[in-house]
Amino acid sequence: MLTALGEEDDRIEGLEAGADDYLTKPFSPRELVLRVQSVLRRGDTQHLPEGIISAGDFALDLSAHEIRLHGTSLVLTSREFDLLAYLIWRPAAVLSREDLLRSVWGWEFGDLSTVTVHVRRLREKIEVDPAHPLLLNTVWGVGYRFDPVPAGQVDTATASDGVTDGVTA
């Protein structure tokens, strides 16, 4: 979005509406070019392996651009897919919003609330209770951590903060 509305509520509303980025006027032409370049790079998933990756009840298939939870395909935006795929490939690793902005969005700078909004939207799609997440956790003051529930444990309401022994390809 390119707009004159620069308040935090406006930015959050724009991102919640589906914008991948939010740039307020006045802006430098160089910043606009860099942001466009980062959007063009975001489809680059070469840093992730090919094949099907499993983490708990998640199955990630990069070639099909599909993530399944309990065998059911998730309906995700392109950015949500990229973010969740990045997290699935790094289970139990705490990733800062800056790291995610750089690695998933390809931005060296930008509004960190972009990451926060996308994490919230992902929680709404993958968590039994998004207000009390068990899979996509906040590590306060540090970042976010993906904790896949061990495969077959569909009753996440009673699951502890357990982490599987990793990812299998």
N, C-alpha and C. Protein backbone atom coordinates (compact mmCIF):
# COMPACT_ATOMS: atom_id res chain seq x y z
N MET A 1 0.84 -1.17 0.00
CA MET A 1 0.00 0.00 0.00
C MET A 1 0.89 1.23 0.00
N LEU A 2 0.52 2.21 -0.76
CA LEU A 2 1.19 3.49 -0.79
C LEU A 2 0.14 4.50 -0.38
N THR A 3 0.34 5.16 0.78
CA THR A 3 -0.69 6.00 1.35
C THR A 3 -0.11 7.13 2.17
N ALA A 4 -0.95 8.11 2.47
CA ALA A 4 -0.56 9.21 3.35
C ALA A 4 -0.92 8.89 4.80
N LEU A 5 -1.65 7.81 5.02
CA LEU A 5 -2.06 7.44 6.37
C LEU A 5 -0.95 6.64 7.03
N GLY A 6 -0.33 7.22 8.07
CA GLY A 6 0.85 6.60 8.64
C GLY A 6 0.73 6.17 10.08
N GLU A 7 -0.44 6.32 10.68
CA GLU A 7 -0.61 5.90 12.08
C GLU A 7 -0.54 4.38 12.18
N GLU A 8 -0.15 3.88 13.36
CA GLU A 8 -0.01 2.44 13.55
C GLU A 8 -1.31 1.71 13.25
N ASP A 9 -2.44 2.25 13.68
CA ASP A 9 -3.73 1.60 13.42
C ASP A 9 -4.00 1.48 11.92
N ASP A 10 -3.62 2.52 11.17
CA ASP A 10 -3.81 2.50 9.72
C ASP A 10 -2.93 1.43 9.08
N ARG A 11 -1.67 1.34 9.53
CA ARG A 11 -0.76 0.33 8.98
C ARG A 11 -1.27 -1.07 9.28
N ILE A 12 -1.69 -1.29 10.51
CA ILE A 12 -2.20 -2.61 10.90
C ILE A 12 -3.45 -2.96 10.09
N GLU A 13 -4.34 -2.00 9.93
CA GLU A 13 -5.56 -2.25 9.15
C GLU A 13 -5.22 -2.61 7.70
N GLY A 14 -4.25 -1.92 7.12
CA GLY A 14 -3.83 -2.21 5.75
C GLY A 14 -3.23 -3.60 5.62
N LEU A 15 -2.38 -3.97 6.58
CA LEU A 15 -1.77 -5.29 6.55
C LEU A 15 -2.80 -6.38 6.79
N GLU A 16 -3.75 -6.13 7.69
CA GLU A 16 -4.82 -7.11 7.93
C GLU A 16 -5.70 -7.27 6.71
N ALA A 17 -5.81 -6.22 5.91
CA ALA A 17 -6.62 -6.29 4.69
C ALA A 17 -5.93 -7.09 3.59
N GLY A 18 -4.66 -7.45 3.82
CA GLY A 18 -3.96 -8.29 2.85
C GLY A 18 -2.76 -7.66 2.19
N ALA A 19 -2.43 -6.43 2.54
CA ALA A 19 -1.26 -5.79 1.94
C ALA A 19 0.02 -6.51 2.36
N ASP A 20 0.94 -6.68 1.45
CA ASP A 20 2.23 -7.28 1.76
C ASP A 20 3.18 -6.25 2.37
N ASP A 21 2.94 -4.99 2.08
CA ASP A 21 3.79 -3.92 2.59
C ASP A 21 2.95 -2.67 2.71
N TYR A 22 3.46 -1.70 3.45
CA TYR A 22 2.75 -0.46 3.70
C TYR A 22 3.77 0.66 3.69
N LEU A 23 3.70 1.54 2.72
CA LEU A 23 4.65 2.64 2.58
C LEU A 23 3.87 3.95 2.65
N THR A 24 4.32 4.85 3.55
CA THR A 24 3.62 6.12 3.72
C THR A 24 4.34 7.24 2.99
N LYS A 25 3.55 8.22 2.57
CA LYS A 25 4.09 9.42 1.93
C LYS A 25 4.58 10.36 3.02
N PRO A 26 5.58 11.14 2.82
CA PRO A 26 6.48 11.08 1.67
C PRO A 26 7.44 9.90 1.79
N PHE A 27 7.91 9.41 0.67
CA PHE A 27 8.84 8.29 0.65
C PHE A 27 9.92 8.59 -0.37
N SER A 28 11.04 7.93 -0.23
CA SER A 28 12.11 8.13 -1.21
C SER A 28 11.91 7.14 -2.36
N PRO A 29 12.18 7.56 -3.57
CA PRO A 29 12.07 6.64 -4.71
C PRO A 29 12.96 5.40 -4.52
N ARG A 30 14.12 5.57 -3.89
CA ARG A 30 15.03 4.44 -3.66
C ARG A 30 14.39 3.41 -2.74
N GLU A 31 13.69 3.89 -1.68
CA GLU A 31 13.02 2.96 -0.78
C GLU A 31 11.92 2.21 -1.52
N LEU A 32 11.16 2.89 -2.36
CA LEU A 32 10.12 2.22 -3.13
C LEU A 32 10.71 1.14 -4.03
N VAL A 33 11.81 1.44 -4.71
CA VAL A 33 12.46 0.46 -5.57
C VAL A 33 12.92 -0.74 -4.76
N LEU A 34 13.53 -0.51 -3.60
CA LEU A 34 14.00 -1.61 -2.76
C LEU A 34 12.84 -2.48 -2.27
N ARG A 35 11.74 -1.86 -1.91
CA ARG A 35 10.58 -2.63 -1.45
C ARG A 35 9.99 -3.46 -2.59
N VAL A 36 9.93 -2.91 -3.79
CA VAL A 36 9.44 -3.66 -4.94
C VAL A 36 10.37 -4.84 -5.22
N GLN A 37 11.67 -4.61 -5.15
CA GLN A 37 12.62 -5.70 -5.36
C GLN A 37 12.44 -6.80 -4.32
N SER A 38 12.16 -6.42 -3.08
CA SER A 38 11.98 -7.44 -2.04
C SER A 38 10.72 -8.25 -2.28
N VAL A 39 9.67 -7.62 -2.80
CA VAL A 39 8.44 -8.35 -3.12
C VAL A 39 8.73 -9.35 -4.24
N LEU A 40 9.52 -8.95 -5.20
CA LEU A 40 9.86 -9.85 -6.31
C LEU A 40 10.73 -11.02 -5.84
N ARG A 41 11.55 -10.79 -4.80
CA ARG A 41 12.41 -11.86 -4.28
C ARG A 41 11.66 -12.82 -3.37
N ARG A 42 10.52 -12.43 -2.85
CA ARG A 42 9.88 -13.23 -1.80
C ARG A 42 9.47 -14.63 -2.25
N GLY A 43 9.25 -14.82 -3.52
CA GLY A 43 8.91 -16.15 -4.00
C GLY A 43 10.11 -17.07 -4.06
N ASP A 44 11.28 -16.55 -3.76
CA ASP A 44 12.51 -17.34 -3.81
C ASP A 44 12.61 -18.24 -2.59
N THR A 45 12.33 -19.52 -2.79
CA THR A 45 12.42 -20.48 -1.68
C THR A 45 13.57 -21.44 -1.90
N GLN A 46 14.60 -21.00 -2.61
CA GLN A 46 15.74 -21.86 -2.89
C GLN A 46 16.49 -22.25 -1.63
N HIS A 47 16.35 -21.47 -0.56
CA HIS A 47 17.05 -21.78 0.68
C HIS A 47 16.41 -22.95 1.41
N LEU A 48 15.24 -23.40 0.96
CA LEU A 48 14.56 -24.53 1.56
C LEU A 48 14.73 -25.77 0.68
N PRO A 49 14.77 -26.95 1.27
CA PRO A 49 14.98 -28.17 0.49
C PRO A 49 13.75 -28.57 -0.31
N GLU A 50 13.96 -29.42 -1.31
CA GLU A 50 12.84 -29.95 -2.08
C GLU A 50 12.29 -31.19 -1.39
N GLY A 51 11.12 -31.63 -1.83
CA GLY A 51 10.50 -32.81 -1.26
C GLY A 51 9.51 -32.42 -0.18
N ILE A 52 9.04 -33.42 0.53
CA ILE A 52 8.06 -33.19 1.59
C ILE A 52 8.78 -33.19 2.94
N ILE A 53 8.55 -32.14 3.69
CA ILE A 53 9.13 -31.98 5.01
C ILE A 53 8.02 -32.22 6.03
N SER A 54 8.29 -33.02 7.05
CA SER A 54 7.30 -33.29 8.08
C SER A 54 7.78 -32.73 9.41
N ALA A 55 6.87 -32.11 10.13
CA ALA A 55 7.14 -31.61 11.48
C ALA A 55 5.86 -31.77 12.27
N GLY A 56 5.81 -32.74 13.17
CA GLY A 56 4.58 -33.02 13.89
C GLY A 56 3.50 -33.42 12.90
N ASP A 57 2.35 -32.80 12.98
CA ASP A 57 1.23 -33.09 12.08
C ASP A 57 1.23 -32.21 10.84
N PHE A 58 2.35 -31.49 10.60
CA PHE A 58 2.47 -30.65 9.42
C PHE A 58 3.28 -31.38 8.35
N ALA A 59 2.86 -31.21 7.10
CA ALA A 59 3.61 -31.72 5.95
C ALA A 59 3.75 -30.56 4.97
N LEU A 60 4.98 -30.23 4.65
CA LEU A 60 5.30 -29.11 3.77
C LEU A 60 5.80 -29.66 2.44
N ASP A 61 5.13 -29.29 1.35
CA ASP A 61 5.55 -29.69 0.01
C ASP A 61 5.80 -28.41 -0.79
N LEU A 62 7.09 -28.05 -0.91
CA LEU A 62 7.43 -26.81 -1.60
C LEU A 62 7.10 -26.85 -3.08
N SER A 63 7.31 -28.00 -3.72
CA SER A 63 7.05 -28.06 -5.16
C SER A 63 5.57 -27.88 -5.48
N ALA A 64 4.70 -28.33 -4.58
CA ALA A 64 3.25 -28.15 -4.77
C ALA A 64 2.75 -26.87 -4.11
N HIS A 65 3.64 -26.17 -3.43
CA HIS A 65 3.29 -24.96 -2.68
C HIS A 65 2.10 -25.25 -1.77
N GLU A 66 2.28 -26.29 -0.94
CA GLU A 66 1.18 -26.76 -0.10
C GLU A 66 1.69 -27.13 1.29
N ILE A 67 0.91 -26.76 2.29
CA ILE A 67 1.16 -27.18 3.66
C ILE A 67 -0.11 -27.86 4.16
N ARG A 68 0.06 -29.06 4.69
CA ARG A 68 -1.06 -29.83 5.23
C ARG A 68 -0.92 -29.92 6.75
N LEU A 69 -2.05 -29.83 7.42
CA LEU A 69 -2.12 -30.02 8.86
C LEU A 69 -3.14 -31.11 9.11
N HIS A 70 -2.72 -32.19 9.75
CA HIS A 70 -3.58 -33.36 9.97
C HIS A 70 -4.12 -33.88 8.64
N GLY A 71 -3.33 -33.76 7.56
CA GLY A 71 -3.73 -34.26 6.26
C GLY A 71 -4.60 -33.33 5.45
N THR A 72 -4.99 -32.20 6.03
CA THR A 72 -5.85 -31.24 5.34
C THR A 72 -5.02 -30.05 4.86
N SER A 73 -5.17 -29.71 3.59
CA SER A 73 -4.44 -28.60 3.02
C SER A 73 -4.89 -27.28 3.64
N LEU A 74 -3.92 -26.45 4.05
CA LEU A 74 -4.24 -25.14 4.62
C LEU A 74 -4.41 -24.12 3.50
N VAL A 75 -5.37 -23.24 3.64
CA VAL A 75 -5.57 -22.16 2.69
C VAL A 75 -4.81 -20.95 3.23
N LEU A 76 -3.68 -20.65 2.57
CA LEU A 76 -2.79 -19.60 3.03
C LEU A 76 -2.49 -18.63 1.90
N THR A 77 -2.25 -17.37 2.26
CA THR A 77 -1.74 -16.42 1.28
C THR A 77 -0.30 -16.82 0.97
N SER A 78 0.25 -16.25 -0.07
CA SER A 78 1.63 -16.55 -0.45
C SER A 78 2.59 -16.21 0.69
N ARG A 79 2.40 -15.09 1.32
CA ARG A 79 3.28 -14.66 2.41
C ARG A 79 3.11 -15.55 3.64
N GLU A 80 1.87 -15.94 3.95
CA GLU A 80 1.64 -16.86 5.07
C GLU A 80 2.33 -18.20 4.80
N PHE A 81 2.24 -18.67 3.56
CA PHE A 81 2.91 -19.92 3.20
C PHE A 81 4.42 -19.80 3.42
N ASP A 82 5.01 -18.72 2.90
CA ASP A 82 6.46 -18.53 3.04
C ASP A 82 6.87 -18.47 4.50
N LEU A 83 6.10 -17.77 5.31
CA LEU A 83 6.42 -17.63 6.74
C LEU A 83 6.30 -18.98 7.45
N LEU A 84 5.20 -19.68 7.24
CA LEU A 84 5.01 -20.97 7.92
C LEU A 84 6.04 -21.99 7.43
N ALA A 85 6.34 -21.99 6.14
CA ALA A 85 7.35 -22.91 5.61
C ALA A 85 8.70 -22.63 6.27
N TYR A 86 9.06 -21.37 6.41
CA TYR A 86 10.33 -21.01 7.03
C TYR A 86 10.37 -21.48 8.48
N LEU A 87 9.25 -21.32 9.19
CA LEU A 87 9.19 -21.75 10.59
C LEU A 87 9.21 -23.28 10.71
N ILE A 88 8.48 -23.98 9.83
CA ILE A 88 8.44 -25.44 9.87
C ILE A 88 9.84 -26.01 9.65
N TRP A 89 10.60 -25.41 8.77
CA TRP A 89 11.94 -25.90 8.49
C TRP A 89 12.90 -25.66 9.66
N ARG A 90 12.49 -24.81 10.61
CA ARG A 90 13.33 -24.49 11.76
C ARG A 90 12.58 -24.70 13.07
N PRO A 91 12.10 -25.92 13.33
CA PRO A 91 11.31 -26.13 14.55
C PRO A 91 12.15 -25.86 15.80
N ALA A 92 11.51 -25.28 16.78
CA ALA A 92 12.09 -24.97 18.09
C ALA A 92 13.12 -23.85 18.06
N ALA A 93 13.44 -23.30 16.88
CA ALA A 93 14.38 -22.18 16.81
C ALA A 93 13.62 -20.89 17.07
N VAL A 94 14.16 -20.05 17.95
CA VAL A 94 13.54 -18.75 18.21
C VAL A 94 14.06 -17.78 17.16
N LEU A 95 13.12 -17.19 16.42
CA LEU A 95 13.46 -16.28 15.34
C LEU A 95 12.88 -14.90 15.64
N SER A 96 13.73 -13.89 15.62
CA SER A 96 13.27 -12.54 15.90
C SER A 96 12.43 -12.02 14.73
N ARG A 97 11.66 -10.98 15.02
CA ARG A 97 10.88 -10.36 13.94
C ARG A 97 11.81 -9.80 12.87
N GLU A 98 12.96 -9.28 13.30
CA GLU A 98 13.94 -8.76 12.34
C GLU A 98 14.45 -9.89 11.44
N ASP A 99 14.77 -11.05 12.05
CA ASP A 99 15.23 -12.20 11.27
C ASP A 99 14.17 -12.63 10.26
N LEU A 100 12.92 -12.70 10.71
CA LEU A 100 11.84 -13.12 9.82
C LEU A 100 11.62 -12.10 8.70
N LEU A 101 11.67 -10.82 9.04
CA LEU A 101 11.49 -9.78 8.03
C LEU A 101 12.59 -9.89 6.97
N ARG A 102 13.79 -10.15 7.39
CA ARG A 102 14.92 -10.27 6.47
C ARG A 102 14.85 -11.57 5.66
N SER A 103 14.57 -12.69 6.33
CA SER A 103 14.63 -13.99 5.66
C SER A 103 13.39 -14.32 4.84
N VAL A 104 12.22 -13.97 5.33
CA VAL A 104 10.97 -14.31 4.63
C VAL A 104 10.56 -13.21 3.66
N TRP A 105 10.65 -11.96 4.11
CA TRP A 105 10.23 -10.84 3.26
C TRP A 105 11.37 -10.37 2.36
N GLY A 106 12.61 -10.64 2.75
CA GLY A 106 13.75 -10.15 1.98
C GLY A 106 14.04 -8.69 2.24
N TRP A 107 13.54 -8.14 3.35
CA TRP A 107 13.73 -6.73 3.67
C TRP A 107 14.83 -6.57 4.71
N GLU A 108 15.67 -5.60 4.51
CA GLU A 108 16.69 -5.26 5.51
C GLU A 108 16.12 -4.27 6.53
N PHE A 109 15.04 -3.62 6.18
CA PHE A 109 14.37 -2.69 7.08
C PHE A 109 12.90 -2.71 6.74
N GLY A 110 12.08 -2.27 7.66
CA GLY A 110 10.65 -2.24 7.42
C GLY A 110 9.88 -2.25 8.72
N ASP A 111 8.59 -2.21 8.63
CA ASP A 111 7.70 -2.16 9.78
C ASP A 111 7.58 -3.57 10.38
N LEU A 112 8.07 -3.75 11.59
CA LEU A 112 8.04 -5.06 12.23
C LEU A 112 6.63 -5.55 12.52
N SER A 113 5.65 -4.64 12.55
CA SER A 113 4.27 -5.07 12.79
C SER A 113 3.77 -5.94 11.63
N THR A 114 4.42 -5.88 10.47
CA THR A 114 4.09 -6.76 9.36
C THR A 114 4.20 -8.21 9.80
N VAL A 115 5.30 -8.54 10.49
CA VAL A 115 5.52 -9.91 10.96
C VAL A 115 4.47 -10.26 12.01
N THR A 116 4.23 -9.35 12.94
CA THR A 116 3.26 -9.58 14.01
C THR A 116 1.88 -9.91 13.45
N VAL A 117 1.44 -9.14 12.47
CA VAL A 117 0.12 -9.36 11.87
C VAL A 117 0.06 -10.71 11.17
N HIS A 118 1.10 -11.07 10.43
CA HIS A 118 1.11 -12.35 9.72
C HIS A 118 1.15 -13.53 10.70
N VAL A 119 1.88 -13.39 11.80
CA VAL A 119 1.89 -14.45 12.81
C VAL A 119 0.50 -14.61 13.41
N ARG A 120 -0.17 -13.50 13.69
CA ARG A 120 -1.53 -13.58 14.25
C ARG A 120 -2.47 -14.26 13.27
N ARG A 121 -2.36 -13.93 11.98
CA ARG A 121 -3.23 -14.54 10.98
C ARG A 121 -2.95 -16.03 10.84
N LEU A 122 -1.67 -16.41 10.92
CA LEU A 122 -1.32 -17.84 10.87
C LEU A 122 -1.89 -18.58 12.08
N ARG A 123 -1.81 -17.97 13.25
CA ARG A 123 -2.35 -18.61 14.45
C ARG A 123 -3.84 -18.88 14.29
N GLU A 124 -4.55 -17.95 13.66
CA GLU A 124 -5.99 -18.13 13.45
C GLU A 124 -6.27 -19.34 12.56
N LYS A 125 -5.31 -19.71 11.73
CA LYS A 125 -5.51 -20.81 10.79
C LYS A 125 -4.97 -22.15 11.29
N ILE A 126 -4.00 -22.14 12.23
CA ILE A 126 -3.39 -23.41 12.62
C ILE A 126 -3.59 -23.79 14.08
N GLU A 127 -3.97 -22.84 14.92
CA GLU A 127 -4.10 -23.12 16.34
C GLU A 127 -5.54 -23.51 16.69
N VAL A 128 -5.70 -24.42 17.65
CA VAL A 128 -7.02 -24.76 18.17
C VAL A 128 -7.59 -23.53 18.87
N ASP A 129 -6.77 -22.85 19.67
CA ASP A 129 -7.15 -21.63 20.38
C ASP A 129 -6.08 -20.58 20.10
N PRO A 130 -6.29 -19.71 19.11
CA PRO A 130 -5.27 -18.73 18.74
C PRO A 130 -4.85 -17.81 19.90
N ALA A 131 -5.73 -17.61 20.87
CA ALA A 131 -5.39 -16.76 22.02
C ALA A 131 -4.41 -17.46 22.96
N HIS A 132 -4.33 -18.78 22.87
CA HIS A 132 -3.41 -19.57 23.70
C HIS A 132 -2.66 -20.55 22.79
N PRO A 133 -1.74 -20.02 21.98
CA PRO A 133 -1.08 -20.86 20.98
C PRO A 133 -0.17 -21.92 21.60
N LEU A 134 -0.18 -23.08 20.95
CA LEU A 134 0.72 -24.17 21.33
C LEU A 134 1.75 -24.46 20.24
N LEU A 135 1.44 -24.05 19.01
CA LEU A 135 2.31 -24.35 17.87
C LEU A 135 3.24 -23.19 17.51
N LEU A 136 2.68 -22.01 17.44
CA LEU A 136 3.43 -20.81 17.05
C LEU A 136 3.49 -19.88 18.25
N ASN A 137 4.58 -20.01 19.01
CA ASN A 137 4.70 -19.35 20.31
C ASN A 137 5.53 -18.08 20.26
N THR A 138 5.18 -17.15 21.13
CA THR A 138 5.95 -15.93 21.32
C THR A 138 6.95 -16.18 22.43
N VAL A 139 8.19 -15.85 22.18
CA VAL A 139 9.21 -15.84 23.22
C VAL A 139 9.44 -14.36 23.51
N TRP A 140 8.83 -13.89 24.58
CA TRP A 140 8.77 -12.46 24.88
C TRP A 140 10.15 -11.82 24.89
N GLY A 141 10.25 -10.71 24.17
CA GLY A 141 11.49 -9.98 24.08
C GLY A 141 12.50 -10.56 23.10
N VAL A 142 12.17 -11.70 22.49
CA VAL A 142 13.11 -12.34 21.57
C VAL A 142 12.49 -12.52 20.19
N GLY A 143 11.36 -13.24 20.10
CA GLY A 143 10.75 -13.49 18.80
C GLY A 143 9.72 -14.59 18.85
N TYR A 144 9.68 -15.41 17.81
CA TYR A 144 8.69 -16.47 17.68
C TYR A 144 9.37 -17.82 17.53
N ARG A 145 8.67 -18.85 17.98
CA ARG A 145 9.20 -20.22 17.90
C ARG A 145 8.06 -21.14 17.45
N PHE A 146 8.37 -22.01 16.47
CA PHE A 146 7.41 -23.01 16.01
C PHE A 146 7.68 -24.31 16.77
N ASP A 147 6.68 -24.76 17.52
CA ASP A 147 6.78 -25.99 18.31
C ASP A 147 5.77 -27.00 17.78
N PRO A 148 6.17 -27.84 16.83
CA PRO A 148 5.21 -28.81 16.30
C PRO A 148 4.85 -29.84 17.36
N VAL A 149 3.55 -30.10 17.47
CA VAL A 149 3.08 -31.14 18.38
C VAL A 149 3.47 -32.47 17.73
N PRO A 150 3.97 -33.43 18.51
CA PRO A 150 4.35 -34.71 17.91
C PRO A 150 3.20 -35.30 17.09
N ALA A 151 3.54 -35.90 15.96
CA ALA A 151 2.55 -36.46 15.04
C ALA A 151 1.55 -37.34 15.77
N GLY A 152 0.29 -37.15 15.44
CA GLY A 152 -0.77 -37.96 16.03
C GLY A 152 -1.40 -37.36 17.27
N GLN A 153 -0.80 -36.33 17.85
CA GLN A 153 -1.39 -35.70 19.03
C GLN A 153 -2.32 -34.58 18.59
N VAL A 154 -3.55 -34.93 18.30
CA VAL A 154 -4.49 -33.93 17.83
C VAL A 154 -5.13 -33.18 18.98
N ASP A 155 -5.05 -33.71 20.19
CA ASP A 155 -5.64 -33.03 21.34
C ASP A 155 -4.63 -32.04 21.90
N THR A 156 -4.48 -30.90 21.21
CA THR A 156 -3.49 -29.92 21.62
C THR A 156 -3.89 -29.20 22.89
N ALA A 157 -5.12 -29.33 23.32
CA ALA A 157 -5.55 -28.66 24.55
C ALA A 157 -4.82 -29.23 25.76
N THR A 158 -4.36 -30.48 25.69
CA THR A 158 -3.68 -31.07 26.83
C THR A 158 -2.19 -31.24 26.59
N ALA A 159 -1.74 -30.79 25.43
CA ALA A 159 -0.31 -30.94 25.12
C ALA A 159 0.50 -29.94 25.93
N SER A 160 1.69 -30.37 26.33
CA SER A 160 2.59 -29.44 27.03
C SER A 160 3.38 -28.67 25.99
N ASP A 161 4.37 -27.94 26.44
CA ASP A 161 5.21 -27.17 25.54
C ASP A 161 6.26 -28.07 24.91
N GLY A 162 5.85 -29.26 24.48
CA GLY A 162 6.80 -30.24 23.94
C GLY A 162 7.25 -29.90 22.55
N VAL A 163 8.45 -30.25 22.26
CA VAL A 163 9.03 -30.03 20.95
C VAL A 163 9.43 -31.37 20.39
N THR A 164 9.12 -31.60 19.13
CA THR A 164 9.51 -32.85 18.52
C THR A 164 11.01 -32.86 18.32
N ASP A 165 11.50 -33.99 17.95
CA ASP A 165 12.93 -34.11 17.76
C ASP A 165 13.39 -33.57 16.41
N GLY A 166 12.56 -32.80 15.77
CA GLY A 166 13.02 -32.11 14.57
C GLY A 166 12.16 -32.39 13.36
N VAL A 167 12.77 -32.23 12.22
CA VAL A 167 12.10 -32.28 10.93
C VAL A 167 12.66 -33.46 10.16
N THR A 168 11.78 -34.14 9.45
CA THR A 168 12.23 -35.24 8.60
C THR A 168 11.91 -34.91 7.16
N ALA A 169 12.80 -35.31 6.28
CA ALA A 169 12.56 -35.04 4.86
C ALA A 169 12.28 -36.34 4.16
